[in-house]
Amino acid sequence: MLSRVTDLALEVRESFPDDNVEISGVKIIKRDTGISGISMTEVEIKDEHGMKAMGKPVGKYITLEFSDREWEKSDETGIEKVLAGIVESIIVEKVSKNRKVAGSVLGEGDESINIKKNKKNEDWENQKKNKEDEDNDRIKKGKTGENEECDKSNKKRIYGKNSEIKIDNITVSRDKADKRIMIAGLGNRYATPDMLGNKVVEYIDIVPEKICAIAPGVLSQTGMETCDIIRNIVCKGDFDCIIVIDSLCSTHTERLCHTIQVTDTGISPGAGVGNRRKEINGDVMGIPVIAIGVPTVVSMATVAYDCIEETLLKQGFSQEETDIFLNGMSNDKYSGLFVTPKDIDEQIFFIGKAIAGGLNMALQK
């Protein structure tokens, strides 16, 4: 039997025989983006029943579709604007919620939203105390002149709640520095359909102590699981949220490089092409994980399925007869084969730059 594989929650929902019948625990809403040529559909998996029916974790899956390039002609930054709004709303919701939960556990209340009580902050307080002790020693010893000017300059870097941190001549307020975002571009930079994450990272506007980015590569290149690399960086860097970008698999050729899925559930790298790696999600990382994906490949079995189905229906066979015929076919020969658009390099460049623009727009706010 031919099996269709997809990473898109919208396609999973569309695969149900009765598309108009409501599925318990699954909510689907079509939203107006206000931009010609760009449609938005939100699939929300609300409970365990919906999770079992869809085969995906509980959470929101927002899909942007642009079946042609009308939107490119009408508004070149259309995708960036819509994507920025989606990402910004998820960050506000998830990060604030995560900090309140952390604050409740630590007994901090709402104050935890502004500043985390963790080892990093304890280090800041220790450094502040040590700095004050050093200043007092200098005063007692009567040090003035050039050293005094140096001391005054250093005093600008106070490790308190409302302080400023100066890094490479860029001043970042302590409050903003606490809200750190890690962007991880997944995939193999040497395989064009899989290099989307790497391309996005190239165009991200890095802000020290606030917006960081990494392209960790794949297991065959590093010998390490991508999940483990990101988790160790997150543990050391005290981040508030992770945004991962990766290439996905679709069941429809027209959606290749013309669809963006944004979800707050994280991602299972390689799941769509049968090479599932360790999951990157909130449970594993301990902080919210937003996943942005674009389908760049489709299974050869799916292409064969669609071609045969279309031919049989044109020959006058009923849908039931066609399904019986297709269900009797085997996809063993095609299970490991995937196809991609002939201009994939151009499309990866185009969509990667658009996603980066949307993220820059959202995070710089």
Foldseek 3Di string as FASTA:
>chain_A
DQDFFWPALVVLLVPDPPNPDDFPQKDKDWDDLVAPQKTKMKIARGDPSSCVSSVHDGWIKMKIFRLDCPSCVVPVLSLLASLLVVVLVCCVVFLQVLQQVQCVVVVNHNCSLQPNPDPVLVVLVVVLVVLVVVVVVCVVVPDDDPVPVVNVVVVQQRSDSFGWDADPNDIDTNSQLLAAEEEEQEAACVDLLWRLRVLLQVLADDDPSHYYYDHPHPCVVPVDHPQVVVLVCCVVNNHAEYEYETEIEDLDQSQALRMKMKIFAFDQPPVRQPPTDDTRACVSNVHTYIYIYGYFKTFPSSVVLVVQLVVVVVVPDDNVVSVVVSVPDDCPVGSNDIDGDPVSNVSSNSSSNSSSSSNNVNRVD
